[in-house]
């Protein structure tokens, strides 16, 4: 993970623990999981949904608010 500030936690289906994830890494994950989507728009949606306490699943990755 890069040294940028973490904005969200992520967890892939095959993993058991949540990982702090920077904006850059989140954008990379979104691009890998859903290459046909608007990456910036999708991240904006994920960040707004996680602020409401929701967990968002995109492909094989879950996103949640930092705890």
PDB file of N, CA and C in Angstrom:
ATOM      1  N   UNK A   1       0.846  -1.173   0.000  1.00  0.00           N
ATOM      2  CA  UNK A   1       0.000   0.000   0.000  1.00  0.00           C
ATOM      3  C   UNK A   1       0.886   1.228   0.000  1.00  0.00           C
ATOM      4  N   UNK A   2       0.460   2.263  -0.704  1.00  0.00           N
ATOM      5  CA  UNK A   2       1.229   3.496  -0.762  1.00  0.00           C
ATOM      6  C   UNK A   2       1.113   4.266   0.549  1.00  0.00           C
ATOM      7  N   UNK A   3       1.915   5.318   0.691  1.00  0.00           N
ATOM      8  CA  UNK A   3       1.934   6.094   1.925  1.00  0.00           C
ATOM      9  C   UNK A   3       0.859   7.176   1.951  1.00  0.00           C
ATOM     10  N   UNK A   4      -0.013   7.220   0.972  1.00  0.00           N
ATOM     11  CA  UNK A   4      -1.102   8.179   0.940  1.00  0.00           C
ATOM     12  C   UNK A   4      -2.082   7.889   2.071  1.00  0.00           C
ATOM     13  N   UNK A   5      -2.863   8.905   2.422  1.00  0.00           N
ATOM     14  CA  UNK A   5      -3.869   8.761   3.473  1.00  0.00           C
ATOM     15  C   UNK A   5      -4.920   7.734   3.063  1.00  0.00           C
ATOM     16  N   UNK A   6      -5.277   6.876   3.984  1.00  0.00           N
ATOM     17  CA  UNK A   6      -6.300   5.858   3.720  1.00  0.00           C
ATOM     18  C   UNK A   6      -7.669   6.517   3.686  1.00  0.00           C
ATOM     19  N   UNK A   7      -8.510   6.074   2.747  1.00  0.00           N
ATOM     20  CA  UNK A   7      -9.846   6.641   2.608  1.00  0.00           C
ATOM     21  C   UNK A   7     -10.944   5.617   2.849  1.00  0.00           C
ATOM     22  N   UNK A   8     -10.593   4.338   2.808  1.00  0.00           N
ATOM     23  CA  UNK A   8     -11.579   3.273   2.919  1.00  0.00           C
ATOM     24  C   UNK A   8     -10.859   1.992   3.317  1.00  0.00           C
ATOM     25  N   UNK A   9     -11.619   1.004   3.810  1.00  0.00           N
ATOM     26  CA  UNK A   9     -11.061  -0.322   4.057  1.00  0.00           C
ATOM     27  C   UNK A   9     -11.573  -1.265   2.973  1.00  0.00           C
ATOM     28  N   UNK A  10     -10.715  -2.188   2.558  1.00  0.00           N
ATOM     29  CA  UNK A  10     -11.106  -3.155   1.538  1.00  0.00           C
ATOM     30  C   UNK A  10     -10.851  -4.572   2.029  1.00  0.00           C
ATOM     31  N   UNK A  11     -11.613  -5.485   1.443  1.00  0.00           N
ATOM     32  CA  UNK A  11     -11.445  -6.905   1.749  1.00  0.00           C
ATOM     33  C   UNK A  11     -11.844  -7.696   0.510  1.00  0.00           C
ATOM     34  N   UNK A  12     -10.931  -8.500  -0.001  1.00  0.00           N
ATOM     35  CA  UNK A  12     -11.261  -9.393  -1.105  1.00  0.00           C
ATOM     36  C   UNK A  12     -11.929 -10.640  -0.532  1.00  0.00           C
ATOM     37  N   UNK A  13     -12.776 -11.274  -1.301  1.00  0.00           N
ATOM     38  CA  UNK A  13     -13.538 -12.430  -0.825  1.00  0.00           C
ATOM     39  C   UNK A  13     -12.654 -13.524  -0.259  1.00  0.00           C
ATOM     40  N   UNK A  14     -11.480 -13.708  -0.806  1.00  0.00           N
ATOM     41  CA  UNK A  14     -10.591 -14.783  -0.354  1.00  0.00           C
ATOM     42  C   UNK A  14      -9.797 -14.410   0.905  1.00  0.00           C
ATOM     43  N   UNK A  15      -9.947 -13.170   1.395  1.00  0.00           N
ATOM     44  CA  UNK A  15      -9.214 -12.708   2.580  1.00  0.00           C
ATOM     45  C   UNK A  15     -10.124 -12.669   3.806  1.00  0.00           C
ATOM     46  N   UNK A  16      -9.513 -12.717   4.976  1.00  0.00           N
ATOM     47  CA  UNK A  16     -10.284 -12.690   6.209  1.00  0.00           C
ATOM     48  C   UNK A  16     -10.230 -11.328   6.901  1.00  0.00           C
ATOM     49  N   UNK A  17      -9.232 -10.513   6.601  1.00  0.00           N
ATOM     50  CA  UNK A  17      -9.116  -9.242   7.304  1.00  0.00           C
ATOM     51  C   UNK A  17      -9.286  -8.061   6.355  1.00  0.00           C
ATOM     52  N   UNK A  18      -9.686  -6.945   6.941  1.00  0.00           N
ATOM     53  CA  UNK A  18      -9.869  -5.700   6.196  1.00  0.00           C
ATOM     54  C   UNK A  18      -8.547  -4.945   6.164  1.00  0.00           C
ATOM     55  N   UNK A  19      -8.287  -4.236   5.062  1.00  0.00           N
ATOM     56  CA  UNK A  19      -7.030  -3.520   4.860  1.00  0.00           C
ATOM     57  C   UNK A  19      -7.327  -2.049   4.599  1.00  0.00           C
ATOM     58  N   UNK A  20      -6.577  -1.157   5.271  1.00  0.00           N
ATOM     59  CA  UNK A  20      -6.688   0.265   4.987  1.00  0.00           C
ATOM     60  C   UNK A  20      -6.196   0.515   3.565  1.00  0.00           C
ATOM     61  N   UNK A  21      -6.936   1.308   2.815  1.00  0.00           N
ATOM     62  CA  UNK A  21      -6.644   1.489   1.400  1.00  0.00           C
ATOM     63  C   UNK A  21      -6.643   2.965   1.047  1.00  0.00           C
ATOM     64  N   UNK A  22      -5.609   3.402   0.333  1.00  0.00           N
ATOM     65  CA  UNK A  22      -5.501   4.800  -0.096  1.00  0.00           C
ATOM     66  C   UNK A  22      -6.404   5.044  -1.302  1.00  0.00           C
ATOM     67  N   UNK A  23      -6.595   6.295  -1.627  1.00  0.00           N
ATOM     68  CA  UNK A  23      -7.402   6.679  -2.792  1.00  0.00           C
ATOM     69  C   UNK A  23      -6.826   6.064  -4.070  1.00  0.00           C
ATOM     70  N   UNK A  24      -5.516   6.150  -4.239  1.00  0.00           N
ATOM     71  CA  UNK A  24      -4.865   5.618  -5.436  1.00  0.00           C
ATOM     72  C   UNK A  24      -5.064   4.114  -5.564  1.00  0.00           C
ATOM     73  N   UNK A  25      -4.913   3.409  -4.448  1.00  0.00           N
ATOM     74  CA  UNK A  25      -5.102   1.952  -4.475  1.00  0.00           C
ATOM     75  C   UNK A  25      -6.565   1.596  -4.726  1.00  0.00           C
ATOM     76  N   UNK A  26      -7.489   2.363  -4.153  1.00  0.00           N
ATOM     77  CA  UNK A  26      -8.914   2.119  -4.388  1.00  0.00           C
ATOM     78  C   UNK A  26      -9.253   2.312  -5.858  1.00  0.00           C
ATOM     79  N   UNK A  27      -8.708   3.354  -6.473  1.00  0.00           N
ATOM     80  CA  UNK A  27      -8.938   3.587  -7.904  1.00  0.00           C
ATOM     81  C   UNK A  27      -8.395   2.432  -8.739  1.00  0.00           C
ATOM     82  N   UNK A  28      -7.231   1.916  -8.362  1.00  0.00           N
ATOM     83  CA  UNK A  28      -6.635   0.782  -9.078  1.00  0.00           C
ATOM     84  C   UNK A  28      -7.505  -0.468  -8.943  1.00  0.00           C
ATOM     85  N   UNK A  29      -8.002  -0.720  -7.741  1.00  0.00           N
ATOM     86  CA  UNK A  29      -8.861  -1.886  -7.505  1.00  0.00           C
ATOM     87  C   UNK A  29     -10.134  -1.780  -8.342  1.00  0.00           C
ATOM     88  N   UNK A  30     -10.742  -0.602  -8.348  1.00  0.00           N
ATOM     89  CA  UNK A  30     -11.968  -0.402  -9.124  1.00  0.00           C
ATOM     90  C   UNK A  30     -11.696  -0.639 -10.604  1.00  0.00           C
ATOM     91  N   UNK A  31     -10.593  -0.105 -11.106  1.00  0.00           N
ATOM     92  CA  UNK A  31     -10.245  -0.278 -12.525  1.00  0.00           C
ATOM     93  C   UNK A  31     -10.020  -1.752 -12.866  1.00  0.00           C
ATOM     94  N   UNK A  32      -9.442  -2.511 -11.944  1.00  0.00           N
ATOM     95  CA  UNK A  32      -9.203  -3.933 -12.182  1.00  0.00           C
ATOM     96  C   UNK A  32     -10.498  -4.748 -12.104  1.00  0.00           C
ATOM     97  N   UNK A  33     -11.356  -4.418 -11.151  1.00  0.00           N
ATOM     98  CA  UNK A  33     -12.590  -5.173 -10.957  1.00  0.00           C
ATOM     99  C   UNK A  33     -13.648  -4.839 -12.002  1.00  0.00           C
ATOM    100  N   UNK A  34     -13.729  -3.579 -12.402  1.00  0.00           N
ATOM    101  CA  UNK A  34     -14.759  -3.128 -13.350  1.00  0.00           C
ATOM    102  C   UNK A  34     -14.125  -2.183 -14.376  1.00  0.00           C
ATOM    103  N   UNK A  35     -13.359  -2.707 -15.324  1.00  0.00           N
ATOM    104  CA  UNK A  35     -12.616  -1.850 -16.260  1.00  0.00           C
ATOM    105  C   UNK A  35     -13.499  -0.978 -17.150  1.00  0.00           C
ATOM    106  N   UNK A  36     -14.755  -1.328 -17.340  1.00  0.00           N
ATOM    107  CA  UNK A  36     -15.624  -0.559 -18.222  1.00  0.00           C
ATOM    108  C   UNK A  36     -16.328   0.597 -17.514  1.00  0.00           C
ATOM    109  N   UNK A  37     -16.130   0.755 -16.229  1.00  0.00           N
ATOM    110  CA  UNK A  37     -16.842   1.774 -15.461  1.00  0.00           C
ATOM    111  C   UNK A  37     -16.043   3.075 -15.351  1.00  0.00           C
ATOM    112  N   UNK A  38     -16.735   4.148 -14.966  1.00  0.00           N
ATOM    113  CA  UNK A  38     -16.092   5.432 -14.649  1.00  0.00           C
ATOM    114  C   UNK A  38     -15.464   5.281 -13.268  1.00  0.00           C
ATOM    115  N   UNK A  39     -14.162   5.180 -13.214  1.00  0.00           N
ATOM    116  CA  UNK A  39     -13.452   4.872 -11.969  1.00  0.00           C
ATOM    117  C   UNK A  39     -13.669   5.957 -10.913  1.00  0.00           C
ATOM    118  N   UNK A  40     -13.503   7.217 -11.283  1.00  0.00           N
ATOM    119  CA  UNK A  40     -13.674   8.317 -10.320  1.00  0.00           C
ATOM    120  C   UNK A  40     -15.104   8.377  -9.794  1.00  0.00           C
ATOM    121  N   UNK A  41     -16.079   8.218 -10.689  1.00  0.00           N
ATOM    122  CA  UNK A  41     -17.479   8.238 -10.279  1.00  0.00           C
ATOM    123  C   UNK A  41     -17.832   7.087  -9.363  1.00  0.00           C
ATOM    124  N   UNK A  42     -17.286   5.928  -9.653  1.00  0.00           N
ATOM    125  CA  UNK A  42     -17.534   4.755  -8.819  1.00  0.00           C
ATOM    126  C   UNK A  42     -16.937   4.944  -7.437  1.00  0.00           C
ATOM    127  N   UNK A  43     -15.725   5.494  -7.366  1.00  0.00           N
ATOM    128  CA  UNK A  43     -15.117   5.751  -6.057  1.00  0.00           C
ATOM    129  C   UNK A  43     -15.934   6.776  -5.280  1.00  0.00           C
ATOM    130  N   UNK A  44     -16.421   7.807  -5.939  1.00  0.00           N
ATOM    131  CA  UNK A  44     -17.253   8.815  -5.266  1.00  0.00           C
ATOM    132  C   UNK A  44     -18.501   8.154  -4.670  1.00  0.00           C
ATOM    133  N   UNK A  45     -19.129   7.256  -5.439  1.00  0.00           N
ATOM    134  CA  UNK A  45     -20.302   6.532  -4.933  1.00  0.00           C
ATOM    135  C   UNK A  45     -19.916   5.667  -3.729  1.00  0.00           C
ATOM    136  N   UNK A  46     -18.819   4.928  -3.840  1.00  0.00           N
ATOM    137  CA  UNK A  46     -18.386   4.048  -2.748  1.00  0.00           C
ATOM    138  C   UNK A  46     -18.136   4.858  -1.484  1.00  0.00           C
ATOM    139  N   UNK A  47     -17.456   5.991  -1.602  1.00  0.00           N
ATOM    140  CA  UNK A  47     -17.157   6.812  -0.429  1.00  0.00           C
ATOM    141  C   UNK A  47     -18.429   7.369   0.201  1.00  0.00           C
ATOM    142  N   UNK A  48     -19.383   7.784  -0.618  1.00  0.00           N
ATOM    143  CA  UNK A  48     -20.632   8.324  -0.048  1.00  0.00           C
ATOM    144  C   UNK A  48     -21.455   7.214   0.601  1.00  0.00           C
ATOM    145  N   UNK A  49     -21.494   6.033  -0.004  1.00  0.00           N
ATOM    146  CA  UNK A  49     -22.254   4.918   0.565  1.00  0.00           C
ATOM    147  C   UNK A  49     -21.624   4.419   1.859  1.00  0.00           C
ATOM    148  N   UNK A  50     -20.299   4.364   1.906  1.00  0.00           N
ATOM    149  CA  UNK A  50     -19.644   3.876   3.123  1.00  0.00           C
ATOM    150  C   UNK A  50     -19.775   4.880   4.264  1.00  0.00           C
ATOM    151  N   UNK A  51     -19.890   6.160   3.965  1.00  0.00           N
ATOM    152  CA  UNK A  51     -20.112   7.157   5.023  1.00  0.00           C
ATOM    153  C   UNK A  51     -21.457   6.941   5.704  1.00  0.00           C
ATOM    154  N   UNK A  52     -22.398   6.328   4.986  1.00  0.00           N
ATOM    155  CA  UNK A  52     -23.713   6.008   5.550  1.00  0.00           C
ATOM    156  C   UNK A  52     -23.705   4.674   6.289  1.00  0.00           C
ATOM    157  N   UNK A  53     -22.548   4.044   6.385  1.00  0.00           N
ATOM    158  CA  UNK A  53     -22.422   2.787   7.105  1.00  0.00           C
ATOM    159  C   UNK A  53     -22.607   1.549   6.252  1.00  0.00           C
ATOM    160  N   UNK A  54     -22.785   1.718   4.952  1.00  0.00           N
ATOM    161  CA  UNK A  54     -22.982   0.577   4.064  1.00  0.00           C
ATOM    162  C   UNK A  54     -21.652  -0.050   3.675  1.00  0.00           C
ATOM    163  N   UNK A  55     -21.689  -1.331   3.375  1.00  0.00           N
ATOM    164  CA  UNK A  55     -20.558  -2.031   2.779  1.00  0.00           C
ATOM    165  C   UNK A  55     -20.894  -2.230   1.312  1.00  0.00           C
ATOM    166  N   UNK A  56     -19.982  -1.827   0.425  1.00  0.00           N
ATOM    167  CA  UNK A  56     -20.215  -1.902  -1.014  1.00  0.00           C
ATOM    168  C   UNK A  56     -19.356  -3.021  -1.572  1.00  0.00           C
ATOM    169  N   UNK A  57     -19.970  -3.869  -2.390  1.00  0.00           N
ATOM    170  CA  UNK A  57     -19.234  -4.951  -3.027  1.00  0.00           C
ATOM    171  C   UNK A  57     -19.113  -4.655  -4.513  1.00  0.00           C
ATOM    172  N   UNK A  58     -17.893  -4.744  -4.999  1.00  0.00           N
ATOM    173  CA  UNK A  58     -17.611  -4.505  -6.415  1.00  0.00           C
ATOM    174  C   UNK A  58     -16.743  -5.648  -6.908  1.00  0.00           C
ATOM    175  N   UNK A  59     -17.302  -6.491  -7.737  1.00  0.00           N
ATOM    176  CA  UNK A  59     -16.556  -7.665  -8.171  1.00  0.00           C
ATOM    177  C   UNK A  59     -16.270  -8.562  -6.986  1.00  0.00           C
ATOM    178  N   UNK A  60     -14.996  -8.826  -6.735  1.00  0.00           N
ATOM    179  CA  UNK A  60     -14.600  -9.684  -5.621  1.00  0.00           C
ATOM    180  C   UNK A  60     -14.059  -8.897  -4.434  1.00  0.00           C
ATOM    181  N   UNK A  61     -14.336  -7.591  -4.405  1.00  0.00           N
ATOM    182  CA  UNK A  61     -13.805  -6.736  -3.342  1.00  0.00           C
ATOM    183  C   UNK A  61     -14.931  -6.014  -2.617  1.00  0.00           C
ATOM    184  N   UNK A  62     -14.823  -5.980  -1.297  1.00  0.00           N
ATOM    185  CA  UNK A  62     -15.766  -5.227  -0.473  1.00  0.00           C
ATOM    186  C   UNK A  62     -15.085  -3.947  -0.010  1.00  0.00           C
ATOM    187  N   UNK A  63     -15.872  -2.893   0.109  1.00  0.00           N
ATOM    188  CA  UNK A  63     -15.389  -1.601   0.593  1.00  0.00           C
ATOM    189  C   UNK A  63     -16.250  -1.211   1.796  1.00  0.00           C
ATOM    190  N   UNK A  64     -15.616  -0.672   2.854  1.00  0.00           N
ATOM    191  CA  UNK A  64     -16.377  -0.164   4.001  1.00  0.00           C
ATOM    192  C   UNK A  64     -15.633   1.038   4.582  1.00  0.00           C
ATOM    193  N   UNK A  65     -16.356   1.771   5.422  1.00  0.00           N
ATOM    194  CA  UNK A  65     -15.800   2.936   6.093  1.00  0.00           C
ATOM    195  C   UNK A  65     -14.687   2.503   7.043  1.00  0.00           C
ATOM    196  N   UNK A  66     -13.688   3.340   7.191  1.00  0.00           N
ATOM    197  CA  UNK A  66     -12.589   3.040   8.128  1.00  0.00           C
ATOM    198  C   UNK A  66     -13.142   3.008   9.537  1.00  0.00           C
ATOM    199  N   UNK A  67     -12.771   1.977  10.263  1.00  0.00           N
ATOM    200  CA  UNK A  67     -13.254   1.827  11.651  1.00  0.00           C
ATOM    201  C   UNK A  67     -12.156   2.082  12.624  1.00  0.00           C
TER     202      UNK A  67
END
